[in-house]
Amino acid sequence: MGPLLQFFLGWFAHPIFRGDYPEVMRTTIRERSLAAGLPKSRLPEFTPEEIQRINGTHDFFGLNHYCSVLAFHIDVGDAQDYDSDRAAAVMADRTWLETGSNWLRITPFGFRKLLEFIKDEYGNPPIYVTENGVSEKGAVDLNDVHRKIFYTDSLLSSGYTAWSLMDNFEWAEGYAERFGLFFVNRSDPNLPRIPKVSASHYTSIIKCNGFKDPALGPHECLTPDDGGNIINNSTHLKLMHIGVFVCLFVCFF
């Protein structure tokens, strides 16, 4: 992974897991600050006492992830700010599958690389994916195969939370972009929640505490008994905490 990731993720994770900012951040910002005539780096420095206090103060690594991007170097001149320190711009590959959000492309390969990076960079901590999901926009289609594939191709770790349980209000787009496993019919005053195909698929992932390659056949935990009932035989699997994100807002006036 390149320097840009250290400026994003490492900026927050490195002090907690390693005791200080990433080396590329410290070196780059110090050199650019001194070249601009400043007496010291614009990036604050931790004292030895602060490093000792913060280093290793983690219980797990919490991660939100929706999409990945391609990064490339740009010439930023002498500008002195955080964006210029990174000296990079990002873009999406036009061949990546689109979603209902113009900023979100389906990139499970990038998600997998990011989880592997965290594992290698920070000593294989327990990783809890606190948000991960995909959107659609326009006409309602309960057969959301793209979301089913999206969740199947995610690399799970200690815990995983899907965004989101039902179509909800997105900050920038309102109700236009829908991330839910359940469709909310807002033309009906009762606001019925209707499961999409992905809801059933995600239910089986939770029931089996994970999944295996579909090419190998149905998961053994979904094998019906003589009475046609599904028996959960997933106790041999590594326990994972899997759920859905329910967005609750409390407003104070």
C-alpha atoms as a PDB file:
ATOM      1  CA  MET A   1       0.000   0.000   0.000  1.00  0.00           C
ATOM      2  CA  GLY A   2       1.259   3.477  -0.857  1.00  0.00           C
ATOM      3  CA  PRO A   3       1.900   6.631   1.157  1.00  0.00           C
ATOM      4  CA  LEU A   4      -1.620   7.959   0.556  1.00  0.00           C
ATOM      5  CA  LEU A   5      -3.094   5.198   2.715  1.00  0.00           C
ATOM      6  CA  GLN A   6      -0.730   6.168   5.523  1.00  0.00           C
ATOM      7  CA  PHE A   7      -1.998   9.748   5.300  1.00  0.00           C
ATOM      8  CA  PHE A   8      -5.575   8.503   5.625  1.00  0.00           C
ATOM      9  CA  LEU A   9      -5.627   5.369   7.750  1.00  0.00           C
ATOM     10  CA  GLY A  10      -2.170   5.490   9.306  1.00  0.00           C
ATOM     11  CA  TRP A  11      -2.727   9.035  10.565  1.00  0.00           C
ATOM     12  CA  PHE A  12      -5.158   7.652  13.146  1.00  0.00           C
ATOM     13  CA  ALA A  13      -4.118   4.006  13.484  1.00  0.00           C
ATOM     14  CA  HIS A  14      -0.340   4.349  13.725  1.00  0.00           C
ATOM     15  CA  PRO A  15      -0.232   6.317  16.995  1.00  0.00           C
ATOM     16  CA  ILE A  16      -2.498   3.777  18.699  1.00  0.00           C
ATOM     17  CA  PHE A  17      -0.863   0.642  17.299  1.00  0.00           C
ATOM     18  CA  ARG A  18       2.719   1.894  16.850  1.00  0.00           C
ATOM     19  CA  GLY A  19       3.015   4.911  19.147  1.00  0.00           C
ATOM     20  CA  ASP A  20       3.620   7.634  16.545  1.00  0.00           C
ATOM     21  CA  TYR A  21       2.519   8.973  13.167  1.00  0.00           C
ATOM     22  CA  PRO A  22       3.666   7.010  10.084  1.00  0.00           C
ATOM     23  CA  GLU A  23       7.250   7.722   9.068  1.00  0.00           C
ATOM     24  CA  VAL A  24       6.178   8.932   5.619  1.00  0.00           C
ATOM     25  CA  MET A  25       3.935  11.570   7.223  1.00  0.00           C
ATOM     26  CA  ARG A  26       6.582  12.773   9.657  1.00  0.00           C
ATOM     27  CA  THR A  27       9.319  12.966   7.014  1.00  0.00           C
ATOM     28  CA  THR A  28       7.207  14.519   4.256  1.00  0.00           C
ATOM     29  CA  ILE A  29       5.567  17.199   6.388  1.00  0.00           C
ATOM     30  CA  ARG A  30       8.812  18.055   8.193  1.00  0.00           C
ATOM     31  CA  GLU A  31      10.754  18.484   4.936  1.00  0.00           C
ATOM     32  CA  ARG A  32       8.016  20.542   3.286  1.00  0.00           C
ATOM     33  CA  SER A  33       7.603  22.701   6.388  1.00  0.00           C
ATOM     34  CA  LEU A  34      11.323  23.491   6.650  1.00  0.00           C
ATOM     35  CA  ALA A  35      11.542  24.150   2.899  1.00  0.00           C
ATOM     36  CA  ALA A  36       8.794  26.749   3.322  1.00  0.00           C
ATOM     37  CA  GLY A  37      10.815  28.548   5.998  1.00  0.00           C
ATOM     38  CA  LEU A  38       8.894  27.296   9.004  1.00  0.00           C
ATOM     39  CA  PRO A  39      10.937  26.663  12.166  1.00  0.00           C
ATOM     40  CA  LYS A  40       9.520  23.160  12.651  1.00  0.00           C
ATOM     41  CA  SER A  41       7.132  20.624  11.187  1.00  0.00           C
ATOM     42  CA  ARG A  42       3.458  21.511  10.885  1.00  0.00           C
ATOM     43  CA  LEU A  43       2.712  17.999  12.162  1.00  0.00           C
ATOM     44  CA  PRO A  44       2.710  18.037  15.980  1.00  0.00           C
ATOM     45  CA  GLU A  45       5.207  15.707  17.612  1.00  0.00           C
ATOM     46  CA  PHE A  46       4.348  13.284  20.386  1.00  0.00           C
ATOM     47  CA  THR A  47       6.398  13.516  23.549  1.00  0.00           C
ATOM     48  CA  PRO A  48       7.995  10.303  24.870  1.00  0.00           C
ATOM     49  CA  GLU A  49       5.414  10.329  27.658  1.00  0.00           C
ATOM     50  CA  GLU A  50       2.555  10.618  25.166  1.00  0.00           C
ATOM     51  CA  ILE A  51       3.950   7.776  23.058  1.00  0.00           C
ATOM     52  CA  GLN A  52       4.204   5.558  26.112  1.00  0.00           C
ATOM     53  CA  ARG A  53       0.666   6.450  27.124  1.00  0.00           C
ATOM     54  CA  ILE A  54      -1.041   5.852  23.769  1.00  0.00           C
ATOM     55  CA  ASN A  55       0.973   3.025  22.216  1.00  0.00           C
ATOM     56  CA  GLY A  56      -0.964  -0.246  22.300  1.00  0.00           C
ATOM     57  CA  THR A  57      -4.170   1.223  23.729  1.00  0.00           C
ATOM     58  CA  HIS A  58      -6.416  -0.746  21.380  1.00  0.00           C
ATOM     59  CA  ASP A  59      -8.842  -3.593  21.904  1.00  0.00           C
ATOM     60  CA  PHE A  60      -9.653  -4.088  18.216  1.00  0.00           C
ATOM     61  CA  PHE A  61      -9.467  -2.309  14.860  1.00  0.00           C
ATOM     62  CA  GLY A  62     -12.803  -0.755  13.818  1.00  0.00           C
ATOM     63  CA  LEU A  63     -13.113  -0.107  10.089  1.00  0.00           C
ATOM     64  CA  ASN A  64     -15.683   1.470   7.789  1.00  0.00           C
ATOM     65  CA  HIS A  65     -15.220   0.611   4.113  1.00  0.00           C
ATOM     66  CA  TYR A  66     -17.333   1.157   1.011  1.00  0.00           C
ATOM     67  CA  CYS A  67     -15.034   1.405  -1.994  1.00  0.00           C
ATOM     68  CA  SER A  68     -11.443   1.647  -3.150  1.00  0.00           C
ATOM     69  CA  VAL A  69      -9.813   4.086  -5.572  1.00  0.00           C
ATOM     70  CA  LEU A  70      -6.738   4.394  -7.765  1.00  0.00           C
ATOM     71  CA  ALA A  71      -4.175   6.947  -6.578  1.00  0.00           C
ATOM     72  CA  PHE A  72      -1.584   8.826  -8.609  1.00  0.00           C
ATOM     73  CA  HIS A  73       1.048  11.459  -7.850  1.00  0.00           C
ATOM     74  CA  ILE A  74       0.440  15.132  -8.654  1.00  0.00           C
ATOM     75  CA  ASP A  75       2.665  18.204  -8.479  1.00  0.00           C
ATOM     76  CA  VAL A  76       1.380  20.468  -5.698  1.00  0.00           C
ATOM     77  CA  GLY A  77       4.101  23.116  -5.786  1.00  0.00           C
ATOM     78  CA  ASP A  78       4.807  24.957  -2.548  1.00  0.00           C
ATOM     79  CA  ALA A  79       1.299  24.820  -1.071  1.00  0.00           C
ATOM     80  CA  GLN A  80       1.346  24.124   2.662  1.00  0.00           C
ATOM     81  CA  ASP A  81      -1.700  22.116   3.717  1.00  0.00           C
ATOM     82  CA  TYR A  82      -2.784  18.563   4.373  1.00  0.00           C
ATOM     83  CA  ASP A  83      -3.981  17.905   0.809  1.00  0.00           C
ATOM     84  CA  SER A  84      -0.701  19.157  -0.625  1.00  0.00           C
ATOM     85  CA  ASP A  85       1.336  17.050   1.786  1.00  0.00           C
ATOM     86  CA  ARG A  86      -0.256  13.938   0.299  1.00  0.00           C
ATOM     87  CA  ALA A  87       0.616  15.068  -3.258  1.00  0.00           C
ATOM     88  CA  ALA A  88      -1.879  12.629  -4.715  1.00  0.00           C
ATOM     89  CA  ALA A  89      -5.213  12.506  -6.490  1.00  0.00           C
ATOM     90  CA  VAL A  90      -7.647   9.618  -6.776  1.00  0.00           C
ATOM     91  CA  MET A  91      -9.986   8.204  -9.395  1.00  0.00           C
ATOM     92  CA  ALA A  92     -12.089   5.119 -10.068  1.00  0.00           C
ATOM     93  CA  ASP A  93     -11.518   2.615 -12.838  1.00  0.00           C
ATOM     94  CA  ARG A  94     -14.376   2.951 -15.324  1.00  0.00           C
ATOM     95  CA  THR A  95     -14.573  -0.836 -15.651  1.00  0.00           C
ATOM     96  CA  TRP A  96     -15.536  -1.255 -11.987  1.00  0.00           C
ATOM     97  CA  LEU A  97     -19.214  -1.996 -11.381  1.00  0.00           C
ATOM     98  CA  GLU A  98     -21.314   1.076 -10.647  1.00  0.00           C
ATOM     99  CA  THR A  99     -23.854   1.489  -7.856  1.00  0.00           C
ATOM    100  CA  GLY A 100     -26.531   4.000  -6.940  1.00  0.00           C
ATOM    101  CA  SER A 101     -23.866   6.409  -5.640  1.00  0.00           C
ATOM    102  CA  ASN A 102     -21.497   8.207  -8.003  1.00  0.00           C
ATOM    103  CA  TRP A 103     -18.650   7.879  -5.481  1.00  0.00           C
ATOM    104  CA  LEU A 104     -19.135   4.148  -4.849  1.00  0.00           C
ATOM    105  CA  ARG A 105     -17.845   1.392  -7.124  1.00  0.00           C
ATOM    106  CA  ILE A 106     -17.914  -2.282  -6.181  1.00  0.00           C
ATOM    107  CA  THR A 107     -14.327  -3.152  -5.272  1.00  0.00           C
ATOM    108  CA  PRO A 108     -14.145  -6.252  -3.044  1.00  0.00           C
ATOM    109  CA  PHE A 109     -10.553  -6.824  -4.162  1.00  0.00           C
ATOM    110  CA  GLY A 110      -9.591  -3.462  -2.663  1.00  0.00           C
ATOM    111  CA  PHE A 111     -11.396  -4.278   0.578  1.00  0.00           C
ATOM    112  CA  ARG A 112      -9.512  -7.564   0.794  1.00  0.00           C
ATOM    113  CA  LYS A 113      -6.159  -5.838   0.243  1.00  0.00           C
ATOM    114  CA  LEU A 114      -6.985  -3.269   2.907  1.00  0.00           C
ATOM    115  CA  LEU A 115      -7.805  -5.943   5.485  1.00  0.00           C
ATOM    116  CA  GLU A 116      -4.583  -7.757   4.637  1.00  0.00           C
ATOM    117  CA  PHE A 117      -2.669  -4.486   5.010  1.00  0.00           C
ATOM    118  CA  ILE A 118      -4.140  -3.887   8.473  1.00  0.00           C
ATOM    119  CA  LYS A 119      -3.302  -7.449   9.470  1.00  0.00           C
ATOM    120  CA  ASP A 120       0.332  -7.127   8.362  1.00  0.00           C
ATOM    121  CA  GLU A 121       0.894  -3.510   9.409  1.00  0.00           C
ATOM    122  CA  TYR A 122      -0.622  -3.663  12.883  1.00  0.00           C
ATOM    123  CA  GLY A 123       0.120  -7.161  14.126  1.00  0.00           C
ATOM    124  CA  ASN A 124      -3.059  -8.991  13.116  1.00  0.00           C
ATOM    125  CA  PRO A 125      -5.510  -7.274  15.510  1.00  0.00           C
ATOM    126  CA  PRO A 126      -9.174  -8.326  15.729  1.00  0.00           C
ATOM    127  CA  ILE A 127     -10.899  -6.372  12.940  1.00  0.00           C
ATOM    128  CA  TYR A 128     -14.521  -5.313  13.284  1.00  0.00           C
ATOM    129  CA  VAL A 129     -16.012  -3.971  10.063  1.00  0.00           C
ATOM    130  CA  THR A 130     -18.411  -1.404  11.482  1.00  0.00           C
ATOM    131  CA  GLU A 131     -19.918  -0.309   8.143  1.00  0.00           C
ATOM    132  CA  ASN A 132     -19.900  -1.872   4.686  1.00  0.00           C
ATOM    133  CA  GLY A 133     -22.603  -1.763   2.057  1.00  0.00           C
ATOM    134  CA  VAL A 134     -23.709  -0.962  -1.468  1.00  0.00           C
ATOM    135  CA  SER A 135     -26.436   1.294  -2.859  1.00  0.00           C
ATOM    136  CA  GLU A 136     -28.973   1.403  -5.641  1.00  0.00           C
ATOM    137  CA  LYS A 137     -30.943   4.288  -7.080  1.00  0.00           C
ATOM    138  CA  GLY A 138     -33.969   4.777  -9.288  1.00  0.00           C
ATOM    139  CA  ALA A 139     -36.680   2.182  -9.873  1.00  0.00           C
ATOM    140  CA  VAL A 140     -37.223  -0.290  -7.057  1.00  0.00           C
ATOM    141  CA  ASP A 141     -35.929  -3.808  -7.745  1.00  0.00           C
ATOM    142  CA  LEU A 142     -36.222  -6.275  -4.876  1.00  0.00           C
ATOM    143  CA  ASN A 143     -34.025  -8.710  -6.801  1.00  0.00           C
ATOM    144  CA  ASP A 144     -30.835  -6.926  -5.714  1.00  0.00           C
ATOM    145  CA  VAL A 145     -28.392  -9.539  -6.970  1.00  0.00           C
ATOM    146  CA  HIS A 146     -25.542  -7.007  -6.936  1.00  0.00           C
ATOM    147  CA  ARG A 147     -25.915  -6.631  -3.149  1.00  0.00           C
ATOM    148  CA  LYS A 148     -26.056 -10.405  -2.684  1.00  0.00           C
ATOM    149  CA  ILE A 149     -22.796 -10.780  -4.621  1.00  0.00           C
ATOM    150  CA  PHE A 150     -21.305  -7.834  -2.732  1.00  0.00           C
ATOM    151  CA  TYR A 151     -21.803  -9.456   0.666  1.00  0.00           C
ATOM    152  CA  THR A 152     -20.664 -12.866  -0.562  1.00  0.00           C
ATOM    153  CA  ASP A 153     -17.377 -11.417  -1.815  1.00  0.00           C
ATOM    154  CA  SER A 154     -16.543  -9.614   1.421  1.00  0.00           C
ATOM    155  CA  LEU A 155     -13.677 -10.963   3.495  1.00  0.00           C
ATOM    156  CA  LEU A 156     -14.971 -11.237   7.028  1.00  0.00           C
ATOM    157  CA  SER A 157     -12.883 -11.012  10.149  1.00  0.00           C
ATOM    158  CA  SER A 158     -13.807 -10.961  13.836  1.00  0.00           C
ATOM    159  CA  GLY A 159     -16.982  -8.987  13.218  1.00  0.00           C
ATOM    160  CA  TYR A 160     -18.985  -7.480  10.379  1.00  0.00           C
ATOM    161  CA  THR A 161     -21.879  -5.033  10.268  1.00  0.00           C
ATOM    162  CA  ALA A 162     -23.764  -4.448   7.027  1.00  0.00           C
ATOM    163  CA  TRP A 163     -24.982  -0.986   6.116  1.00  0.00           C
ATOM    164  CA  SER A 164     -27.872  -1.145   6.416  1.00  0.00           C
ATOM    165  CA  LEU A 165     -30.868  -3.069   7.737  1.00  0.00           C
ATOM    166  CA  MET A 166     -33.365  -1.002   5.759  1.00  0.00           C
ATOM    167  CA  ASP A 167     -33.382   1.884   3.300  1.00  0.00           C
ATOM    168  CA  ASN A 168     -32.755   4.980   5.362  1.00  0.00           C
ATOM    169  CA  PHE A 169     -32.110   8.702   5.071  1.00  0.00           C
ATOM    170  CA  GLU A 170     -28.645   9.305   3.619  1.00  0.00           C
ATOM    171  CA  TRP A 171     -27.132  12.601   4.720  1.00  0.00           C
ATOM    172  CA  ALA A 172     -26.357  14.011   1.259  1.00  0.00           C
ATOM    173  CA  GLU A 173     -28.916  12.202  -0.907  1.00  0.00           C
ATOM    174  CA  GLY A 174     -31.950  11.797   1.328  1.00  0.00           C
ATOM    175  CA  TYR A 175     -34.026   8.748   0.395  1.00  0.00           C
ATOM    176  CA  ALA A 176     -32.802   8.637  -3.222  1.00  0.00           C
ATOM    177  CA  GLU A 177     -29.889   6.264  -2.587  1.00  0.00           C
ATOM    178  CA  ARG A 178     -30.879   3.012  -0.911  1.00  0.00           C
ATOM    179  CA  PHE A 179     -28.470   0.766   1.008  1.00  0.00           C
ATOM    180  CA  GLY A 180     -30.955  -1.441   2.855  1.00  0.00           C
ATOM    181  CA  LEU A 181     -31.520  -5.167   2.930  1.00  0.00           C
ATOM    182  CA  PHE A 182     -35.187  -4.202   3.302  1.00  0.00           C
ATOM    183  CA  PHE A 183     -37.046  -1.805   1.003  1.00  0.00           C
ATOM    184  CA  VAL A 184     -39.170   0.804   2.785  1.00  0.00           C
ATOM    185  CA  ASN A 185     -42.304   1.642   0.796  1.00  0.00           C
ATOM    186  CA  ARG A 186     -42.670   5.361   1.501  1.00  0.00           C
ATOM    187  CA  SER A 187     -45.708   5.696  -0.751  1.00  0.00           C
ATOM    188  CA  ASP A 188     -47.639   3.680   1.841  1.00  0.00           C
ATOM    189  CA  PRO A 189     -48.444   5.613   5.055  1.00  0.00           C
ATOM    190  CA  ASN A 190     -47.726   2.435   7.040  1.00  0.00           C
ATOM    191  CA  LEU A 191     -44.167   2.355   5.657  1.00  0.00           C
ATOM    192  CA  PRO A 192     -44.030  -1.441   5.210  1.00  0.00           C
ATOM    193  CA  ARG A 193     -40.575  -3.035   5.161  1.00  0.00           C
ATOM    194  CA  ILE A 194     -40.189  -5.486   2.281  1.00  0.00           C
ATOM    195  CA  PRO A 195     -37.197  -7.860   2.208  1.00  0.00           C
ATOM    196  CA  LYS A 196     -34.974  -7.818  -0.844  1.00  0.00           C
ATOM    197  CA  VAL A 197     -33.264 -10.949  -2.174  1.00  0.00           C
ATOM    198  CA  SER A 198     -30.107  -9.906  -0.338  1.00  0.00           C
ATOM    199  CA  ALA A 199     -31.956 -10.101   3.007  1.00  0.00           C
ATOM    200  CA  SER A 200     -32.476 -13.845   2.610  1.00  0.00           C
ATOM    201  CA  HIS A 201     -28.883 -14.305   1.496  1.00  0.00           C
ATOM    202  CA  TYR A 202     -27.516 -12.305   4.412  1.00  0.00           C
ATOM    203  CA  THR A 203     -29.743 -14.291   6.769  1.00  0.00           C
ATOM    204  CA  SER A 204     -28.061 -17.499   5.624  1.00  0.00           C
ATOM    205  CA  ILE A 205     -24.628 -15.935   6.206  1.00  0.00           C
ATOM    206  CA  ILE A 206     -25.634 -15.088   9.770  1.00  0.00           C
ATOM    207  CA  LYS A 207     -27.249 -18.488  10.326  1.00  0.00           C
ATOM    208  CA  CYS A 208     -24.089 -20.260   9.170  1.00  0.00           C
ATOM    209  CA  ASN A 209     -21.750 -17.798  10.884  1.00  0.00           C
ATOM    210  CA  GLY A 210     -20.016 -17.262   7.550  1.00  0.00           C
ATOM    211  CA  PHE A 211     -20.021 -18.879   4.129  1.00  0.00           C
ATOM    212  CA  LYS A 212     -17.939 -21.038   1.867  1.00  0.00           C
ATOM    213  CA  ASP A 213     -17.293 -21.028  -1.872  1.00  0.00           C
ATOM    214  CA  PRO A 214     -20.695 -21.458  -3.603  1.00  0.00           C
ATOM    215  CA  ALA A 215     -18.958 -23.670  -6.173  1.00  0.00           C
ATOM    216  CA  LEU A 216     -18.557 -26.277  -3.427  1.00  0.00           C
ATOM    217  CA  GLY A 217     -22.305 -26.610  -3.015  1.00  0.00           C
ATOM    218  CA  PRO A 218     -24.683 -25.472  -0.259  1.00  0.00           C
ATOM    219  CA  HIS A 219     -23.281 -24.877   3.186  1.00  0.00           C
ATOM    220  CA  GLU A 220     -23.708 -27.857   5.507  1.00  0.00           C
ATOM    221  CA  CYS A 221     -25.496 -25.682   8.065  1.00  0.00           C
ATOM    222  CA  LEU A 222     -28.296 -25.160   5.520  1.00  0.00           C
ATOM    223  CA  THR A 223     -28.869 -28.870   4.949  1.00  0.00           C
ATOM    224  CA  PRO A 224     -32.457 -29.743   5.968  1.00  0.00           C
ATOM    225  CA  ASP A 225     -33.169 -32.646   8.295  1.00  0.00           C
ATOM    226  CA  ASP A 226     -35.711 -35.392   7.587  1.00  0.00           C
ATOM    227  CA  GLY A 227     -38.513 -33.036   8.554  1.00  0.00           C
ATOM    228  CA  GLY A 228     -37.329 -30.333   6.175  1.00  0.00           C
ATOM    229  CA  ASN A 229     -36.013 -28.109   8.969  1.00  0.00           C
ATOM    230  CA  ILE A 230     -32.724 -26.293   8.645  1.00  0.00           C
ATOM    231  CA  ILE A 231     -30.262 -27.369  11.328  1.00  0.00           C
ATOM    232  CA  ASN A 232     -27.468 -25.009  12.283  1.00  0.00           C
ATOM    233  CA  ASN A 233     -24.310 -27.116  12.210  1.00  0.00           C
ATOM    234  CA  SER A 234     -21.940 -24.151  12.174  1.00  0.00           C
ATOM    235  CA  THR A 235     -20.403 -24.652  15.610  1.00  0.00           C
ATOM    236  CA  HIS A 236     -17.155 -25.784  14.016  1.00  0.00           C
ATOM    237  CA  LEU A 237     -16.689 -22.410  12.355  1.00  0.00           C
ATOM    238  CA  LYS A 238     -14.711 -19.604  13.914  1.00  0.00           C
ATOM    239  CA  LEU A 239     -17.169 -17.409  15.765  1.00  0.00           C
ATOM    240  CA  MET A 240     -17.785 -14.090  14.058  1.00  0.00           C
ATOM    241  CA  HIS A 241     -20.032 -11.263  15.141  1.00  0.00           C
ATOM    242  CA  ILE A 242     -22.220 -10.493  12.138  1.00  0.00           C
ATOM    243  CA  GLY A 243     -25.043  -8.005  12.119  1.00  0.00           C
ATOM    244  CA  VAL A 244     -26.779  -5.165  10.373  1.00  0.00           C
ATOM    245  CA  PHE A 245     -26.503  -1.482  11.093  1.00  0.00           C
ATOM    246  CA  VAL A 246     -29.692   0.119  12.334  1.00  0.00           C
ATOM    247  CA  CYS A 247     -29.415   3.879  12.095  1.00  0.00           C
ATOM    248  CA  LEU A 248     -31.057   5.695  14.989  1.00  0.00           C
ATOM    249  CA  PHE A 249     -31.195   9.465  15.310  1.00  0.00           C
ATOM    250  CA  VAL A 250     -32.102  11.359  18.479  1.00  0.00           C
ATOM    251  CA  CYS A 251     -32.590  15.079  18.050  1.00  0.00           C
ATOM    252  CA  PHE A 252     -32.616  17.592  20.866  1.00  0.00           C
ATOM    253  CA  PHE A 253     -34.300  20.941  20.395  1.00  0.00           C
END
